[in-house]
Amino acid sequence: MEAALTLGTKNAKLLTRVVIPGILPDLYRDQRILLGWAWTYLIVAELIGTTSGITWFITLQARYQHFANVYAAIIIIGILGVGTDMTLALLGRRFFPWDRSLVKSN
């Protein structure tokens, strides 16, 4: 910000060219983290008094000792979560190429 102000940037351009592009990568990263928490709370919320949904399926399969279905459902949930996070990470690198924290370290 100080460099932009030193170079004579006005308030509106400072906001649109420096401040917003500077905070967008952090906002995006926070949204990725919150999506992980949302997955967790979704599963926990489905455990309480539901008669449908993925956790109901898992509970029902466990009750009848169909453990292969239980493991398959848990693996599908994990694959969906990791796949979503990896996709969002790739999109973050594409949307915010100036953010060094999103670049893969070798």
N, C-alpha and C. Protein backbone atom coordinates (compact mmCIF):
# COMPACT_ATOMS: atom_id res chain seq x y z
N MET A 1 0.82 -1.18 0.00
CA MET A 1 0.00 0.00 0.00
C MET A 1 0.87 1.25 0.00
N GLU A 2 1.93 1.20 0.79
CA GLU A 2 2.78 2.38 0.86
C GLU A 2 3.42 2.67 -0.49
N ALA A 3 3.81 1.63 -1.21
CA ALA A 3 4.41 1.84 -2.53
C ALA A 3 3.39 2.45 -3.49
N ALA A 4 2.15 1.96 -3.45
CA ALA A 4 1.11 2.51 -4.33
C ALA A 4 0.82 3.96 -3.98
N LEU A 5 0.77 4.28 -2.70
CA LEU A 5 0.54 5.67 -2.29
C LEU A 5 1.71 6.56 -2.67
N THR A 6 2.92 6.04 -2.55
CA THR A 6 4.09 6.81 -2.93
C THR A 6 4.09 7.12 -4.41
N LEU A 7 3.60 6.18 -5.21
CA LEU A 7 3.54 6.38 -6.65
C LEU A 7 2.34 7.21 -7.10
N GLY A 8 1.53 7.68 -6.14
CA GLY A 8 0.45 8.60 -6.46
C GLY A 8 -0.90 7.97 -6.75
N THR A 9 -1.13 6.77 -6.28
CA THR A 9 -2.41 6.11 -6.51
C THR A 9 -3.50 6.79 -5.70
N LYS A 10 -4.64 7.02 -6.33
CA LYS A 10 -5.78 7.63 -5.64
C LYS A 10 -6.56 6.56 -4.87
N ASN A 11 -7.48 6.99 -4.04
CA ASN A 11 -8.21 6.09 -3.13
C ASN A 11 -8.95 4.97 -3.85
N ALA A 12 -9.70 5.27 -4.92
CA ALA A 12 -10.48 4.24 -5.60
C ALA A 12 -9.57 3.20 -6.25
N LYS A 13 -8.51 3.67 -6.91
CA LYS A 13 -7.58 2.74 -7.54
C LYS A 13 -6.81 1.95 -6.49
N LEU A 14 -6.50 2.56 -5.37
CA LEU A 14 -5.81 1.86 -4.30
C LEU A 14 -6.67 0.70 -3.82
N LEU A 15 -7.95 0.93 -3.69
CA LEU A 15 -8.86 -0.11 -3.24
C LEU A 15 -8.98 -1.23 -4.27
N THR A 16 -9.20 -0.86 -5.56
CA THR A 16 -9.46 -1.88 -6.57
C THR A 16 -8.20 -2.56 -7.09
N ARG A 17 -7.06 -1.92 -7.04
CA ARG A 17 -5.84 -2.49 -7.61
C ARG A 17 -4.86 -3.05 -6.58
N VAL A 18 -5.01 -2.62 -5.31
CA VAL A 18 -4.04 -3.07 -4.30
C VAL A 18 -4.72 -3.84 -3.17
N VAL A 19 -5.71 -3.22 -2.53
CA VAL A 19 -6.30 -3.80 -1.33
C VAL A 19 -7.09 -5.06 -1.65
N ILE A 20 -8.03 -4.98 -2.57
CA ILE A 20 -8.87 -6.14 -2.88
C ILE A 20 -8.05 -7.30 -3.45
N PRO A 21 -7.17 -7.07 -4.46
CA PRO A 21 -6.34 -8.20 -4.91
C PRO A 21 -5.44 -8.75 -3.81
N GLY A 22 -5.10 -7.93 -2.84
CA GLY A 22 -4.25 -8.39 -1.74
C GLY A 22 -4.97 -9.30 -0.76
N ILE A 23 -6.27 -9.06 -0.54
CA ILE A 23 -7.00 -9.87 0.44
C ILE A 23 -7.73 -11.05 -0.18
N LEU A 24 -7.96 -11.05 -1.49
CA LEU A 24 -8.71 -12.13 -2.12
C LEU A 24 -8.09 -13.52 -1.92
N PRO A 25 -6.78 -13.68 -2.07
CA PRO A 25 -6.22 -15.03 -1.83
C PRO A 25 -6.47 -15.54 -0.41
N ASP A 26 -6.35 -14.66 0.57
CA ASP A 26 -6.61 -15.07 1.96
C ASP A 26 -8.07 -15.41 2.18
N LEU A 27 -8.96 -14.63 1.60
CA LEU A 27 -10.39 -14.92 1.68
C LEU A 27 -10.70 -16.28 1.05
N TYR A 28 -10.11 -16.52 -0.11
CA TYR A 28 -10.32 -17.78 -0.81
C TYR A 28 -9.82 -18.96 0.02
N ARG A 29 -8.65 -18.81 0.60
CA ARG A 29 -8.08 -19.87 1.44
C ARG A 29 -8.97 -20.13 2.66
N ASP A 30 -9.48 -19.07 3.26
CA ASP A 30 -10.38 -19.22 4.40
C ASP A 30 -11.66 -19.95 3.99
N GLN A 31 -12.16 -19.68 2.80
CA GLN A 31 -13.36 -20.36 2.31
C GLN A 31 -13.09 -21.85 2.13
N ARG A 32 -11.90 -22.19 1.67
CA ARG A 32 -11.54 -23.62 1.54
C ARG A 32 -11.54 -24.30 2.90
N ILE A 33 -11.00 -23.63 3.90
CA ILE A 33 -10.97 -24.20 5.25
C ILE A 33 -12.38 -24.34 5.80
N LEU A 34 -13.19 -23.34 5.58
CA LEU A 34 -14.58 -23.39 6.07
C LEU A 34 -15.39 -24.47 5.37
N LEU A 35 -15.07 -24.76 4.11
CA LEU A 35 -15.75 -25.84 3.41
C LEU A 35 -15.43 -27.18 4.07
N GLY A 36 -14.20 -27.36 4.52
CA GLY A 36 -13.85 -28.57 5.26
C GLY A 36 -14.65 -28.70 6.55
N TRP A 37 -14.78 -27.60 7.26
CA TRP A 37 -15.60 -27.61 8.48
C TRP A 37 -17.06 -27.88 8.16
N ALA A 38 -17.53 -27.35 7.04
CA ALA A 38 -18.93 -27.58 6.64
C ALA A 38 -19.18 -29.06 6.38
N TRP A 39 -18.23 -29.75 5.75
CA TRP A 39 -18.36 -31.20 5.55
C TRP A 39 -18.48 -31.90 6.89
N THR A 40 -17.64 -31.51 7.84
CA THR A 40 -17.68 -32.14 9.16
C THR A 40 -19.02 -31.92 9.83
N TYR A 41 -19.51 -30.68 9.82
CA TYR A 41 -20.79 -30.38 10.47
C TYR A 41 -21.96 -31.02 9.74
N LEU A 42 -21.85 -31.20 8.45
CA LEU A 42 -22.90 -31.88 7.70
C LEU A 42 -23.05 -33.32 8.18
N ILE A 43 -21.93 -34.00 8.32
CA ILE A 43 -21.97 -35.39 8.77
C ILE A 43 -22.48 -35.47 10.21
N VAL A 44 -22.02 -34.58 11.06
CA VAL A 44 -22.48 -34.59 12.45
C VAL A 44 -23.97 -34.27 12.52
N ALA A 45 -24.44 -33.32 11.75
CA ALA A 45 -25.85 -32.96 11.76
C ALA A 45 -26.72 -34.10 11.25
N GLU A 46 -26.22 -34.85 10.29
CA GLU A 46 -27.00 -35.97 9.77
C GLU A 46 -27.08 -37.13 10.76
N LEU A 47 -26.15 -37.20 11.68
CA LEU A 47 -26.17 -38.29 12.66
C LEU A 47 -27.31 -38.16 13.66
N ILE A 48 -27.83 -36.98 13.82
CA ILE A 48 -28.81 -36.72 14.88
C ILE A 48 -30.22 -36.79 14.32
N GLY A 49 -30.91 -37.87 14.62
CA GLY A 49 -32.33 -37.99 14.35
C GLY A 49 -32.77 -37.89 12.90
N THR A 50 -32.01 -38.43 11.97
CA THR A 50 -32.43 -38.38 10.58
C THR A 50 -32.91 -39.75 10.12
N THR A 51 -33.71 -39.74 9.09
CA THR A 51 -34.17 -41.00 8.50
C THR A 51 -33.79 -41.07 7.03
N SER A 52 -32.86 -40.21 6.62
CA SER A 52 -32.35 -40.26 5.26
C SER A 52 -30.97 -39.61 5.25
N GLY A 53 -30.26 -39.78 4.17
CA GLY A 53 -28.93 -39.17 4.05
C GLY A 53 -27.83 -40.20 4.15
N ILE A 54 -26.62 -39.72 3.97
CA ILE A 54 -25.47 -40.63 3.91
C ILE A 54 -25.18 -41.27 5.26
N THR A 55 -25.33 -40.54 6.34
CA THR A 55 -25.04 -41.15 7.65
C THR A 55 -26.14 -42.13 8.05
N TRP A 56 -27.36 -41.88 7.63
CA TRP A 56 -28.43 -42.85 7.88
C TRP A 56 -28.10 -44.15 7.14
N PHE A 57 -27.63 -44.02 5.90
CA PHE A 57 -27.23 -45.19 5.13
C PHE A 57 -26.11 -45.94 5.84
N ILE A 58 -25.12 -45.22 6.32
CA ILE A 58 -24.00 -45.85 7.01
C ILE A 58 -24.48 -46.54 8.29
N THR A 59 -25.32 -45.88 9.05
CA THR A 59 -25.85 -46.46 10.29
C THR A 59 -26.67 -47.71 10.00
N LEU A 60 -27.51 -47.65 8.99
CA LEU A 60 -28.35 -48.78 8.62
C LEU A 60 -27.51 -49.97 8.15
N GLN A 61 -26.50 -49.69 7.34
CA GLN A 61 -25.63 -50.76 6.86
C GLN A 61 -24.83 -51.38 8.01
N ALA A 62 -24.40 -50.56 8.94
CA ALA A 62 -23.66 -51.07 10.10
C ALA A 62 -24.56 -51.93 10.98
N ARG A 63 -25.81 -51.53 11.11
CA ARG A 63 -26.76 -52.28 11.93
C ARG A 63 -26.94 -53.71 11.39
N TYR A 64 -26.97 -53.84 10.07
CA TYR A 64 -27.14 -55.15 9.46
C TYR A 64 -25.80 -55.80 9.09
N GLN A 65 -24.73 -55.25 9.60
CA GLN A 65 -23.37 -55.78 9.47
C GLN A 65 -22.92 -55.90 8.01
N HIS A 66 -23.30 -54.94 7.20
CA HIS A 66 -22.80 -54.85 5.83
C HIS A 66 -21.64 -53.85 5.82
N PHE A 67 -20.53 -54.26 6.40
CA PHE A 67 -19.42 -53.36 6.64
C PHE A 67 -18.73 -52.92 5.36
N ALA A 68 -18.82 -53.71 4.32
CA ALA A 68 -18.24 -53.29 3.03
C ALA A 68 -18.94 -52.03 2.53
N ASN A 69 -20.25 -51.95 2.71
CA ASN A 69 -21.00 -50.75 2.31
C ASN A 69 -20.65 -49.56 3.20
N VAL A 70 -20.43 -49.83 4.48
CA VAL A 70 -20.06 -48.76 5.41
C VAL A 70 -18.71 -48.17 5.00
N TYR A 71 -17.74 -49.03 4.76
CA TYR A 71 -16.42 -48.54 4.36
C TYR A 71 -16.46 -47.83 3.02
N ALA A 72 -17.26 -48.36 2.10
CA ALA A 72 -17.38 -47.72 0.78
C ALA A 72 -17.97 -46.32 0.91
N ALA A 73 -18.99 -46.16 1.74
CA ALA A 73 -19.61 -44.84 1.93
C ALA A 73 -18.62 -43.87 2.58
N ILE A 74 -17.88 -44.33 3.56
CA ILE A 74 -16.89 -43.47 4.22
C ILE A 74 -15.79 -43.06 3.24
N ILE A 75 -15.35 -44.00 2.41
CA ILE A 75 -14.32 -43.69 1.42
C ILE A 75 -14.85 -42.70 0.39
N ILE A 76 -16.10 -42.85 -0.02
CA ILE A 76 -16.70 -41.90 -0.97
C ILE A 76 -16.76 -40.50 -0.38
N ILE A 77 -17.13 -40.39 0.89
CA ILE A 77 -17.15 -39.08 1.56
C ILE A 77 -15.74 -38.49 1.57
N GLY A 78 -14.75 -39.29 1.89
CA GLY A 78 -13.36 -38.82 1.91
C GLY A 78 -12.89 -38.38 0.54
N ILE A 79 -13.21 -39.16 -0.49
CA ILE A 79 -12.80 -38.82 -1.86
C ILE A 79 -13.46 -37.52 -2.30
N LEU A 80 -14.74 -37.36 -1.98
CA LEU A 80 -15.42 -36.11 -2.33
C LEU A 80 -14.79 -34.91 -1.64
N GLY A 81 -14.46 -35.06 -0.36
CA GLY A 81 -13.85 -33.96 0.37
C GLY A 81 -12.47 -33.60 -0.15
N VAL A 82 -11.63 -34.61 -0.35
CA VAL A 82 -10.28 -34.35 -0.84
C VAL A 82 -10.32 -33.83 -2.28
N GLY A 83 -11.19 -34.41 -3.09
CA GLY A 83 -11.32 -33.96 -4.48
C GLY A 83 -11.76 -32.52 -4.58
N THR A 84 -12.72 -32.14 -3.75
CA THR A 84 -13.19 -30.76 -3.73
C THR A 84 -12.07 -29.82 -3.30
N ASP A 85 -11.34 -30.20 -2.26
CA ASP A 85 -10.25 -29.35 -1.78
C ASP A 85 -9.14 -29.23 -2.82
N MET A 86 -8.79 -30.31 -3.48
CA MET A 86 -7.74 -30.25 -4.50
C MET A 86 -8.18 -29.39 -5.69
N THR A 87 -9.44 -29.52 -6.07
CA THR A 87 -9.96 -28.69 -7.17
C THR A 87 -9.91 -27.22 -6.80
N LEU A 88 -10.33 -26.91 -5.58
CA LEU A 88 -10.29 -25.51 -5.14
C LEU A 88 -8.86 -25.00 -5.03
N ALA A 89 -7.92 -25.86 -4.65
CA ALA A 89 -6.51 -25.45 -4.58
C ALA A 89 -5.98 -25.12 -5.98
N LEU A 90 -6.32 -25.95 -6.96
CA LEU A 90 -5.89 -25.68 -8.34
C LEU A 90 -6.52 -24.39 -8.87
N LEU A 91 -7.80 -24.19 -8.58
CA LEU A 91 -8.46 -22.96 -9.00
C LEU A 91 -7.83 -21.74 -8.33
N GLY A 92 -7.46 -21.89 -7.05
CA GLY A 92 -6.83 -20.78 -6.33
C GLY A 92 -5.50 -20.39 -6.96
N ARG A 93 -4.72 -21.38 -7.38
CA ARG A 93 -3.45 -21.07 -8.05
C ARG A 93 -3.69 -20.37 -9.38
N ARG A 94 -4.78 -20.75 -10.05
CA ARG A 94 -5.08 -20.13 -11.35
C ARG A 94 -5.65 -18.71 -11.18
N PHE A 95 -6.52 -18.53 -10.20
CA PHE A 95 -7.15 -17.22 -9.97
C PHE A 95 -6.19 -16.20 -9.37
N PHE A 96 -5.26 -16.66 -8.54
CA PHE A 96 -4.37 -15.76 -7.81
C PHE A 96 -2.91 -16.10 -8.05
N PRO A 97 -2.40 -15.91 -9.25
CA PRO A 97 -1.01 -16.29 -9.54
C PRO A 97 0.01 -15.44 -8.79
N TRP A 98 -0.39 -14.29 -8.29
CA TRP A 98 0.55 -13.42 -7.58
C TRP A 98 0.74 -13.82 -6.12
N ASP A 99 -0.09 -14.71 -5.61
CA ASP A 99 0.01 -15.10 -4.21
C ASP A 99 1.01 -16.25 -4.08
N ARG A 100 2.12 -15.99 -3.44
CA ARG A 100 3.18 -17.00 -3.32
C ARG A 100 2.82 -18.12 -2.35
N SER A 101 1.87 -17.92 -1.46
CA SER A 101 1.51 -18.98 -0.51
C SER A 101 0.71 -20.08 -1.18
N LEU A 102 0.12 -19.82 -2.36
CA LEU A 102 -0.64 -20.85 -3.07
C LEU A 102 0.22 -21.65 -4.03
N VAL A 103 1.43 -21.17 -4.30
CA VAL A 103 2.32 -21.86 -5.24
C VAL A 103 2.91 -23.09 -4.57
N LYS A 104 2.94 -24.20 -5.32
CA LYS A 104 3.53 -25.43 -4.79
C LYS A 104 5.01 -25.23 -4.52
N SER A 105 5.47 -25.66 -3.36
CA SER A 105 6.90 -25.59 -3.07
C SER A 105 7.54 -26.90 -3.50
N ASN A 106 8.72 -26.80 -4.07
CA ASN A 106 9.41 -28.00 -4.58
C ASN A 106 10.30 -28.61 -3.54
